[in-house]
Amino acid sequence: MGIRGEVFSTKLQTKERTYFFNVKENVYGDTFLNIVESKGSEDGGTEKFIRQSILIYQEDLAEFVREFQKSLDFIKLNQKR
């Protein structure tokens, strides 16, 4: 097991935000995907980061990917050009 249970991690950095895709293992040996969005925000002249996270456990990944793909297909078919 890696640091904080991380076994694999990758990130996508865009102009406005950063996405982290972390594969982790909990203390029970369950593997899950942790998707985190981090976005900078100024609050009173001090830069802060807003982080949001979603966990998808291994047993739900296939169904999650299938439904996610449906959403991507819809966006492709209905994108404004």
N, C-alpha and C. Protein backbone atom coordinates (compact mmCIF):
# COMPACT_ATOMS: atom_id res chain seq x y z
N MET A 1 0.84 -1.17 0.00
CA MET A 1 0.00 0.00 0.00
C MET A 1 0.88 1.23 0.00
N GLY A 2 0.46 2.28 -0.72
CA GLY A 2 1.23 3.51 -0.81
C GLY A 2 0.92 4.48 0.30
N ILE A 3 1.36 5.71 0.12
CA ILE A 3 1.08 6.77 1.08
C ILE A 3 -0.42 7.02 1.12
N ARG A 4 -1.01 7.07 2.32
CA ARG A 4 -2.45 7.27 2.51
C ARG A 4 -3.27 6.26 1.70
N GLY A 5 -2.72 5.06 1.45
CA GLY A 5 -3.45 4.05 0.73
C GLY A 5 -3.46 4.21 -0.77
N GLU A 6 -2.72 5.20 -1.31
CA GLU A 6 -2.69 5.41 -2.75
C GLU A 6 -1.87 4.31 -3.42
N VAL A 7 -2.44 3.72 -4.47
CA VAL A 7 -1.71 2.72 -5.24
C VAL A 7 -1.41 3.21 -6.65
N PHE A 8 -2.16 4.24 -7.10
CA PHE A 8 -1.92 4.84 -8.41
C PHE A 8 -2.55 6.23 -8.40
N SER A 9 -1.91 7.17 -9.07
CA SER A 9 -2.46 8.52 -9.13
C SER A 9 -2.03 9.20 -10.42
N THR A 10 -2.96 9.95 -11.01
CA THR A 10 -2.65 10.76 -12.18
C THR A 10 -3.48 12.03 -12.09
N LYS A 11 -3.09 13.06 -12.85
CA LYS A 11 -3.85 14.30 -12.78
C LYS A 11 -3.98 14.94 -14.15
N LEU A 12 -5.02 15.75 -14.26
CA LEU A 12 -5.28 16.54 -15.45
C LEU A 12 -5.38 17.98 -15.00
N GLN A 13 -4.50 18.81 -15.52
CA GLN A 13 -4.50 20.22 -15.14
C GLN A 13 -5.00 21.05 -16.31
N THR A 14 -6.02 21.87 -16.05
CA THR A 14 -6.56 22.78 -17.06
C THR A 14 -6.33 24.21 -16.57
N LYS A 15 -6.78 25.18 -17.34
CA LYS A 15 -6.61 26.58 -16.94
C LYS A 15 -7.24 26.88 -15.59
N GLU A 16 -8.44 26.40 -15.39
CA GLU A 16 -9.25 26.78 -14.23
C GLU A 16 -9.16 25.83 -13.04
N ARG A 17 -8.87 24.55 -13.30
CA ARG A 17 -8.93 23.57 -12.22
C ARG A 17 -8.01 22.39 -12.49
N THR A 18 -7.83 21.58 -11.47
CA THR A 18 -7.03 20.36 -11.59
C THR A 18 -7.89 19.19 -11.14
N TYR A 19 -7.81 18.11 -11.90
CA TYR A 19 -8.53 16.88 -11.57
C TYR A 19 -7.50 15.82 -11.19
N PHE A 20 -7.75 15.14 -10.10
CA PHE A 20 -6.89 14.05 -9.66
C PHE A 20 -7.68 12.75 -9.75
N PHE A 21 -7.06 11.72 -10.29
CA PHE A 21 -7.65 10.39 -10.38
C PHE A 21 -6.78 9.48 -9.54
N ASN A 22 -7.25 9.15 -8.36
CA ASN A 22 -6.46 8.38 -7.39
C ASN A 22 -7.08 7.02 -7.15
N VAL A 23 -6.31 5.97 -7.39
CA VAL A 23 -6.75 4.63 -7.03
C VAL A 23 -6.17 4.38 -5.64
N LYS A 24 -7.06 4.02 -4.72
CA LYS A 24 -6.65 3.83 -3.33
C LYS A 24 -7.13 2.49 -2.81
N GLU A 25 -6.55 2.11 -1.69
CA GLU A 25 -6.95 0.90 -1.00
C GLU A 25 -7.20 1.27 0.45
N ASN A 26 -8.37 0.87 0.98
CA ASN A 26 -8.64 1.19 2.38
C ASN A 26 -8.05 0.11 3.31
N VAL A 27 -8.23 0.28 4.59
CA VAL A 27 -7.62 -0.64 5.57
C VAL A 27 -8.17 -2.06 5.46
N TYR A 28 -9.32 -2.22 4.81
CA TYR A 28 -9.92 -3.54 4.63
C TYR A 28 -9.49 -4.20 3.32
N GLY A 29 -8.66 -3.52 2.54
CA GLY A 29 -8.19 -4.06 1.27
C GLY A 29 -9.10 -3.78 0.10
N ASP A 30 -10.16 -2.98 0.31
CA ASP A 30 -11.07 -2.61 -0.78
C ASP A 30 -10.40 -1.54 -1.65
N THR A 31 -10.48 -1.73 -2.96
CA THR A 31 -9.92 -0.77 -3.90
C THR A 31 -11.03 0.16 -4.39
N PHE A 32 -10.70 1.44 -4.52
CA PHE A 32 -11.68 2.39 -5.00
C PHE A 32 -10.99 3.51 -5.77
N LEU A 33 -11.77 4.19 -6.60
CA LEU A 33 -11.30 5.34 -7.36
C LEU A 33 -11.80 6.59 -6.67
N ASN A 34 -10.89 7.51 -6.41
CA ASN A 34 -11.21 8.79 -5.79
C ASN A 34 -10.93 9.86 -6.84
N ILE A 35 -11.99 10.53 -7.32
CA ILE A 35 -11.84 11.61 -8.29
C ILE A 35 -12.00 12.92 -7.53
N VAL A 36 -10.98 13.78 -7.65
CA VAL A 36 -10.98 15.04 -6.91
C VAL A 36 -10.83 16.20 -7.89
N GLU A 37 -11.65 17.22 -7.68
CA GLU A 37 -11.52 18.47 -8.44
C GLU A 37 -10.99 19.51 -7.46
N SER A 38 -9.96 20.23 -7.86
CA SER A 38 -9.40 21.31 -7.05
C SER A 38 -9.40 22.58 -7.88
N LYS A 39 -9.97 23.64 -7.29
CA LYS A 39 -10.08 24.90 -8.01
C LYS A 39 -9.69 26.04 -7.10
N GLY A 40 -8.85 26.92 -7.59
CA GLY A 40 -8.42 28.07 -6.81
C GLY A 40 -9.54 29.09 -6.66
N SER A 41 -9.54 29.77 -5.52
CA SER A 41 -10.55 30.79 -5.24
C SER A 41 -9.91 31.85 -4.35
N GLU A 42 -10.13 33.11 -4.70
CA GLU A 42 -9.59 34.19 -3.87
C GLU A 42 -10.62 34.59 -2.84
N ASP A 43 -10.18 34.66 -1.60
CA ASP A 43 -11.06 35.03 -0.50
C ASP A 43 -10.36 36.10 0.33
N GLY A 44 -10.76 37.34 0.13
CA GLY A 44 -10.14 38.43 0.88
C GLY A 44 -8.67 38.62 0.56
N GLY A 45 -8.30 38.40 -0.71
CA GLY A 45 -6.91 38.58 -1.12
C GLY A 45 -6.03 37.36 -0.87
N THR A 46 -6.56 36.35 -0.20
CA THR A 46 -5.81 35.12 0.06
C THR A 46 -6.32 34.02 -0.86
N GLU A 47 -5.40 33.34 -1.53
CA GLU A 47 -5.83 32.27 -2.42
C GLU A 47 -6.12 31.02 -1.61
N LYS A 48 -7.32 30.47 -1.84
CA LYS A 48 -7.73 29.22 -1.21
C LYS A 48 -8.05 28.23 -2.32
N PHE A 49 -8.12 26.96 -1.94
CA PHE A 49 -8.50 25.94 -2.90
C PHE A 49 -9.77 25.26 -2.45
N ILE A 50 -10.69 25.15 -3.37
CA ILE A 50 -11.93 24.42 -3.12
C ILE A 50 -11.74 23.02 -3.69
N ARG A 51 -11.96 22.01 -2.87
CA ARG A 51 -11.78 20.63 -3.29
C ARG A 51 -13.10 19.89 -3.15
N GLN A 52 -13.42 19.13 -4.19
CA GLN A 52 -14.60 18.28 -4.16
C GLN A 52 -14.17 16.88 -4.57
N SER A 53 -14.79 15.89 -3.98
CA SER A 53 -14.32 14.53 -4.19
C SER A 53 -15.51 13.57 -4.33
N ILE A 54 -15.29 12.53 -5.14
CA ILE A 54 -16.27 11.45 -5.27
C ILE A 54 -15.50 10.13 -5.22
N LEU A 55 -16.08 9.15 -4.53
CA LEU A 55 -15.47 7.83 -4.43
C LEU A 55 -16.33 6.83 -5.20
N ILE A 56 -15.68 5.99 -6.00
CA ILE A 56 -16.38 4.91 -6.70
C ILE A 56 -15.65 3.62 -6.35
N TYR A 57 -16.36 2.72 -5.67
CA TYR A 57 -15.74 1.46 -5.26
C TYR A 57 -15.65 0.49 -6.42
N GLN A 58 -14.69 -0.41 -6.31
CA GLN A 58 -14.35 -1.35 -7.38
C GLN A 58 -15.58 -2.11 -7.89
N GLU A 59 -16.45 -2.54 -6.98
CA GLU A 59 -17.60 -3.33 -7.41
C GLU A 59 -18.62 -2.50 -8.21
N ASP A 60 -18.51 -1.17 -8.15
CA ASP A 60 -19.43 -0.30 -8.88
C ASP A 60 -18.82 0.32 -10.14
N LEU A 61 -17.54 0.08 -10.38
CA LEU A 61 -16.85 0.75 -11.48
C LEU A 61 -17.44 0.47 -12.85
N ALA A 62 -17.75 -0.79 -13.14
CA ALA A 62 -18.28 -1.13 -14.48
C ALA A 62 -19.58 -0.39 -14.75
N GLU A 63 -20.49 -0.39 -13.78
CA GLU A 63 -21.76 0.33 -13.95
C GLU A 63 -21.54 1.83 -14.02
N PHE A 64 -20.62 2.35 -13.21
CA PHE A 64 -20.30 3.77 -13.23
C PHE A 64 -19.78 4.18 -14.61
N VAL A 65 -18.85 3.41 -15.16
CA VAL A 65 -18.27 3.72 -16.47
C VAL A 65 -19.35 3.65 -17.55
N ARG A 66 -20.23 2.67 -17.47
CA ARG A 66 -21.30 2.53 -18.45
C ARG A 66 -22.21 3.78 -18.44
N GLU A 67 -22.62 4.21 -17.27
CA GLU A 67 -23.48 5.39 -17.17
C GLU A 67 -22.74 6.67 -17.53
N PHE A 68 -21.47 6.74 -17.17
CA PHE A 68 -20.64 7.89 -17.54
C PHE A 68 -20.52 7.98 -19.06
N GLN A 69 -20.34 6.84 -19.71
CA GLN A 69 -20.23 6.80 -21.17
C GLN A 69 -21.52 7.28 -21.83
N LYS A 70 -22.67 6.93 -21.25
CA LYS A 70 -23.94 7.42 -21.77
C LYS A 70 -23.98 8.94 -21.75
N SER A 71 -23.48 9.52 -20.68
CA SER A 71 -23.44 10.98 -20.57
C SER A 71 -22.52 11.59 -21.61
N LEU A 72 -21.36 10.97 -21.82
CA LEU A 72 -20.42 11.47 -22.82
C LEU A 72 -21.01 11.37 -24.22
N ASP A 73 -21.68 10.27 -24.50
CA ASP A 73 -22.32 10.10 -25.81
C ASP A 73 -23.38 11.17 -26.03
N PHE A 74 -24.18 11.46 -25.00
CA PHE A 74 -25.20 12.50 -25.11
C PHE A 74 -24.57 13.86 -25.41
N ILE A 75 -23.49 14.18 -24.70
CA ILE A 75 -22.81 15.46 -24.91
C ILE A 75 -22.28 15.55 -26.35
N LYS A 76 -21.68 14.47 -26.85
CA LYS A 76 -21.17 14.47 -28.22
C LYS A 76 -22.29 14.71 -29.23
N LEU A 77 -23.40 14.04 -29.05
CA LEU A 77 -24.52 14.16 -29.99
C LEU A 77 -25.20 15.52 -29.93
N ASN A 78 -25.14 16.17 -28.81
CA ASN A 78 -25.88 17.42 -28.60
C ASN A 78 -25.01 18.65 -28.41
N GLN A 79 -23.73 18.53 -28.73
CA GLN A 79 -22.86 19.68 -28.54
C GLN A 79 -23.17 20.78 -29.55
N LYS A 80 -23.07 22.00 -29.09
CA LYS A 80 -23.32 23.14 -29.96
C LYS A 80 -22.04 23.44 -30.73
N ARG A 81 -22.19 23.66 -31.99
CA ARG A 81 -21.02 23.89 -32.83
C ARG A 81 -20.87 25.32 -33.20
